[in-house]
């Protein structure tokens, strides 16, 4: 990797020494994720209408950690893990739908689990990649930037609970060096406050981390969520 710029673009040096521009599918600040000269993995699109043929998917840090750069993959990882029974707390539902409209603020829930109309579980998925110094402590944080959208989602989840349904904030940890997840009060104080209020209101908060598999990342085990 050479550099990231204009938020969604990254220059990458290939094995032959040539440099190409690829799409960076991450809307956050990517704090502590970018290491100039690090090895990266790209995916290739066959869509002729795309301006940039390649997408940045993963990065390997100097410490040997792998980071999932594509935040959009978090929903896919969570859905696959639920379907495979990897997440016991979210097992037992007969139907899983994605991107369903809901709420009082014109939102879409990432995953809607249900056993009929009267038994619903609303799951909002967030990708976690911020590992703070020192990396050896394994402390991961969310969010990595100020996010009005994230605050809106917390309000919506609280509203769901008050209406008698189940609501879950699911942290998909796409950084192999992260061992626990905490609210990033040093990045976004308002989000940290709302997160604690949501937990007190009955929103379930859980985090599962990824491991590197032959086909890419897979969710494999739960890690603690700490709300100091």
Protein backbone atom coordinates (compact mmCIF):
# COMPACT_ATOMS: atom_id res chain seq x y z
CA UNK A 1 0.00 0.00 0.00
CA UNK A 2 1.20 3.51 -0.82
CA UNK A 3 -1.45 5.89 0.51
CA UNK A 4 -5.18 6.52 1.02
CA UNK A 5 -6.72 9.79 -0.13
CA UNK A 6 -10.06 11.40 -1.01
CA UNK A 7 -11.55 8.95 1.51
CA UNK A 8 -12.46 6.25 -1.00
CA UNK A 9 -9.24 5.94 -3.02
CA UNK A 10 -5.98 4.13 -2.28
CA UNK A 11 -2.80 3.81 -4.33
CA UNK A 12 -1.29 0.32 -4.22
CA UNK A 13 2.07 -0.86 -5.53
CA UNK A 14 1.86 -4.24 -7.26
CA UNK A 15 4.50 -6.96 -7.24
CA UNK A 16 5.83 -5.77 -10.59
CA UNK A 17 6.42 -2.27 -9.18
CA UNK A 18 3.52 -0.58 -10.97
CA UNK A 19 1.09 1.57 -8.97
CA UNK A 20 -2.70 1.38 -9.40
CA UNK A 21 -5.58 3.24 -7.78
CA UNK A 22 -8.18 1.04 -6.05
CA UNK A 23 -11.50 1.63 -4.29
CA UNK A 24 -11.35 1.90 -0.48
CA UNK A 25 -14.74 0.67 0.84
CA UNK A 26 -14.54 2.25 4.29
CA UNK A 27 -16.38 5.39 5.40
CA UNK A 28 -14.53 5.74 8.72
CA UNK A 29 -11.26 7.41 9.58
CA UNK A 30 -9.45 4.02 9.57
CA UNK A 31 -7.42 5.28 12.52
CA UNK A 32 -4.38 3.06 13.24
CA UNK A 33 -5.22 0.86 10.25
CA UNK A 34 -3.10 2.48 7.57
CA UNK A 35 0.55 1.46 7.39
CA UNK A 36 2.47 2.67 4.36
CA UNK A 37 4.24 -0.26 2.76
CA UNK A 38 2.00 -2.90 4.34
CA UNK A 39 0.83 -5.93 2.39
CA UNK A 40 -2.74 -5.65 1.14
CA UNK A 41 -5.25 -7.95 -0.54
CA UNK A 42 -7.52 -6.79 -3.34
CA UNK A 43 -10.66 -8.17 -4.97
CA UNK A 44 -11.33 -7.72 -8.68
CA UNK A 45 -14.62 -6.72 -10.27
CA UNK A 46 -15.62 -7.74 -13.77
CA UNK A 47 -18.15 -4.89 -14.00
CA UNK A 48 -17.08 -2.84 -17.06
CA UNK A 49 -18.90 0.24 -15.71
CA UNK A 50 -16.69 0.50 -12.64
CA UNK A 51 -14.05 3.22 -12.77
CA UNK A 52 -11.75 1.30 -10.40
CA UNK A 53 -11.51 -2.41 -11.11
CA UNK A 54 -10.04 -3.43 -7.76
CA UNK A 55 -11.30 -3.08 -4.17
CA UNK A 56 -9.10 -3.04 -1.08
CA UNK A 57 -10.19 -5.90 1.21
CA UNK A 58 -7.48 -6.66 3.80
CA UNK A 59 -4.24 -5.34 5.24
CA UNK A 60 -1.50 -7.15 7.18
CA UNK A 61 0.17 -4.98 9.85
CA UNK A 62 3.80 -5.04 10.92
CA UNK A 63 2.73 -6.89 14.09
CA UNK A 64 1.14 -9.64 11.98
CA UNK A 65 -2.48 -8.61 12.54
CA UNK A 66 -4.96 -8.83 9.68
CA UNK A 67 -7.55 -6.06 9.27
CA UNK A 68 -10.72 -6.27 7.21
CA UNK A 69 -10.83 -2.91 5.43
CA UNK A 70 -14.17 -3.46 3.68
CA UNK A 71 -16.69 -2.38 6.34
CA UNK A 72 -19.52 -3.52 4.08
CA UNK A 73 -18.45 -7.11 4.64
CA UNK A 74 -19.53 -6.93 8.30
CA UNK A 75 -23.19 -7.57 7.49
CA UNK A 76 -22.29 -10.56 5.32
CA UNK A 77 -20.05 -12.00 8.04
CA UNK A 78 -22.73 -11.59 10.71
CA UNK A 79 -25.46 -13.11 8.54
CA UNK A 80 -23.28 -16.10 7.61
CA UNK A 81 -22.33 -16.69 11.25
CA UNK A 82 -25.97 -16.55 12.40
CA UNK A 83 -27.04 -18.96 9.67
CA UNK A 84 -24.20 -21.35 10.57
CA UNK A 85 -25.13 -21.30 14.27
CA UNK A 86 -21.87 -19.67 15.33
CA UNK A 87 -23.72 -17.11 17.49
CA UNK A 88 -25.84 -19.04 20.05
CA UNK A 89 -27.56 -15.90 21.35
CA UNK A 90 -29.00 -15.27 17.87
CA UNK A 91 -30.00 -18.85 17.07
CA UNK A 92 -33.51 -20.25 16.74
CA UNK A 93 -35.04 -17.80 14.29
CA UNK A 94 -36.69 -19.17 11.17
CA UNK A 95 -36.20 -16.13 8.95
CA UNK A 96 -33.39 -13.64 8.29
CA UNK A 97 -33.96 -10.51 6.19
CA UNK A 98 -31.52 -7.75 5.32
CA UNK A 99 -31.90 -3.99 5.00
CA UNK A 100 -35.50 -3.80 6.23
CA UNK A 101 -37.08 -0.38 6.72
CA UNK A 102 -38.05 0.36 10.32
CA UNK A 103 -38.08 2.93 13.09
CA UNK A 104 -39.14 6.52 13.63
CA UNK A 105 -36.17 8.11 11.83
CA UNK A 106 -36.46 6.46 8.41
CA UNK A 107 -33.83 3.80 9.05
CA UNK A 108 -32.98 0.36 7.71
CA UNK A 109 -31.99 -2.44 10.05
CA UNK A 110 -29.03 -4.51 8.89
CA UNK A 111 -30.52 -7.87 9.88
CA UNK A 112 -34.07 -8.69 10.95
CA UNK A 113 -34.50 -12.10 12.57
CA UNK A 114 -38.02 -13.38 13.14
CA UNK A 115 -40.33 -16.22 14.02
CA UNK A 116 -43.49 -14.55 12.76
CA UNK A 117 -44.69 -10.99 13.24
CA UNK A 118 -44.74 -11.13 17.05
CA UNK A 119 -41.18 -12.45 17.54
CA UNK A 120 -38.63 -10.12 16.05
CA UNK A 121 -34.98 -9.38 16.70
CA UNK A 122 -33.46 -6.25 15.17
CA UNK A 123 -29.69 -6.54 14.68
CA UNK A 124 -27.57 -3.48 13.87
CA UNK A 125 -24.07 -4.50 12.73
CA UNK A 126 -20.98 -2.33 13.18
CA UNK A 127 -17.47 -3.07 11.90
CA UNK A 128 -14.73 -2.55 14.50
CA UNK A 129 -11.13 -1.99 13.37
CA UNK A 130 -9.72 0.62 15.78
CA UNK A 131 -6.99 -0.96 17.91
CA UNK A 132 -5.45 1.65 20.20
CA UNK A 133 -1.86 1.84 21.47
CA UNK A 134 -0.25 -0.13 22.85
CA UNK A 135 -1.48 -2.81 20.40
CA UNK A 136 -0.37 -5.59 22.78
CA UNK A 137 -3.28 -4.77 25.12
CA UNK A 138 -5.83 -5.70 22.44
CA UNK A 139 -8.22 -2.85 23.26
CA UNK A 140 -10.60 -2.17 20.39
CA UNK A 141 -12.88 0.85 20.15
CA UNK A 142 -15.95 2.01 18.25
CA UNK A 143 -16.48 4.35 16.49
CA UNK A 144 -13.26 5.57 14.91
CA UNK A 145 -14.86 8.90 13.91
CA UNK A 146 -17.81 11.09 14.91
CA UNK A 147 -20.97 9.49 13.53
CA UNK A 148 -24.45 11.06 13.58
CA UNK A 149 -25.73 7.99 11.75
CA UNK A 150 -24.44 5.70 14.51
CA UNK A 151 -26.23 7.79 17.14
CA UNK A 152 -29.45 7.56 15.16
CA UNK A 153 -29.18 3.77 15.05
CA UNK A 154 -28.83 3.61 18.83
CA UNK A 155 -31.97 5.70 19.29
CA UNK A 156 -33.84 3.41 16.90
CA UNK A 157 -32.75 0.29 18.79
CA UNK A 158 -33.94 1.76 22.08
CA UNK A 159 -37.31 2.51 20.46
CA UNK A 160 -37.54 -1.10 19.28
CA UNK A 161 -37.05 -2.38 22.84
CA UNK A 162 -39.70 -0.01 24.17
CA UNK A 163 -42.13 -1.44 21.62
CA UNK A 164 -41.57 -4.92 23.04
CA UNK A 165 -39.14 -6.37 20.52
CA UNK A 166 -35.56 -7.55 20.88
CA UNK A 167 -32.74 -5.26 19.72
CA UNK A 168 -29.05 -6.11 19.34
CA UNK A 169 -26.01 -3.98 18.58
CA UNK A 170 -23.55 -6.42 17.05
CA UNK A 171 -19.88 -5.46 16.83
CA UNK A 172 -18.18 -7.39 14.01
CA UNK A 173 -14.49 -7.20 14.93
CA UNK A 174 -12.50 -7.16 11.69
CA UNK A 175 -9.10 -6.85 13.34
CA UNK A 176 -7.35 -10.00 14.57
CA UNK A 177 -5.43 -8.04 17.23
CA UNK A 178 -8.55 -6.84 19.08
CA UNK A 179 -9.43 -8.80 22.23
CA UNK A 180 -12.26 -6.65 23.63
CA UNK A 181 -14.45 -3.76 22.47
CA UNK A 182 -15.11 -0.48 24.28
CA UNK A 183 -16.91 2.77 23.42
CA UNK A 184 -14.47 5.28 21.92
CA UNK A 185 -15.22 8.13 24.30
CA UNK A 186 -11.96 9.79 23.25
CA UNK A 187 -13.24 9.90 19.67
CA UNK A 188 -16.99 10.50 20.09
CA UNK A 189 -18.22 11.24 23.62
CA UNK A 190 -21.87 11.50 22.55
CA UNK A 191 -21.86 8.01 21.04
CA UNK A 192 -20.35 6.53 24.19
CA UNK A 193 -23.06 8.14 26.32
CA UNK A 194 -25.83 6.90 24.02
CA UNK A 195 -24.34 3.41 23.95
CA UNK A 196 -24.46 3.13 27.74
CA UNK A 197 -28.01 4.50 27.79
CA UNK A 198 -29.03 1.93 25.17
CA UNK A 199 -27.55 -0.88 27.24
CA UNK A 200 -29.47 0.29 30.31
CA UNK A 201 -32.66 0.46 28.22
CA UNK A 202 -32.34 -3.20 27.26
CA UNK A 203 -30.47 -3.16 23.96
CA UNK A 204 -28.21 -6.22 23.87
CA UNK A 205 -24.61 -5.49 22.95
CA UNK A 206 -22.30 -8.25 21.76
CA UNK A 207 -19.05 -8.57 19.83
CA UNK A 208 -17.57 -11.41 17.79
CA UNK A 209 -14.13 -11.35 16.21
CA UNK A 210 -12.92 -12.70 12.90
CA UNK A 211 -10.23 -15.17 12.05
CA UNK A 212 -8.48 -15.66 8.73
CA UNK A 213 -9.89 -18.62 6.79
CA UNK A 214 -8.99 -19.95 3.35
CA UNK A 215 -11.84 -18.00 1.77
CA UNK A 216 -11.24 -14.81 3.78
CA UNK A 217 -12.56 -13.66 7.15
CA UNK A 218 -15.03 -15.66 9.24
CA UNK A 219 -16.57 -14.85 12.61
CA UNK A 220 -15.52 -17.46 15.13
CA UNK A 221 -15.70 -16.40 18.80
CA UNK A 222 -17.18 -13.84 21.14
CA UNK A 223 -15.08 -11.13 22.77
CA UNK A 224 -16.07 -8.98 25.75
CA UNK A 225 -17.80 -5.63 25.39
CA UNK A 226 -16.64 -3.37 28.22
CA UNK A 227 -18.66 -0.28 29.18
CA UNK A 228 -16.54 1.43 31.84
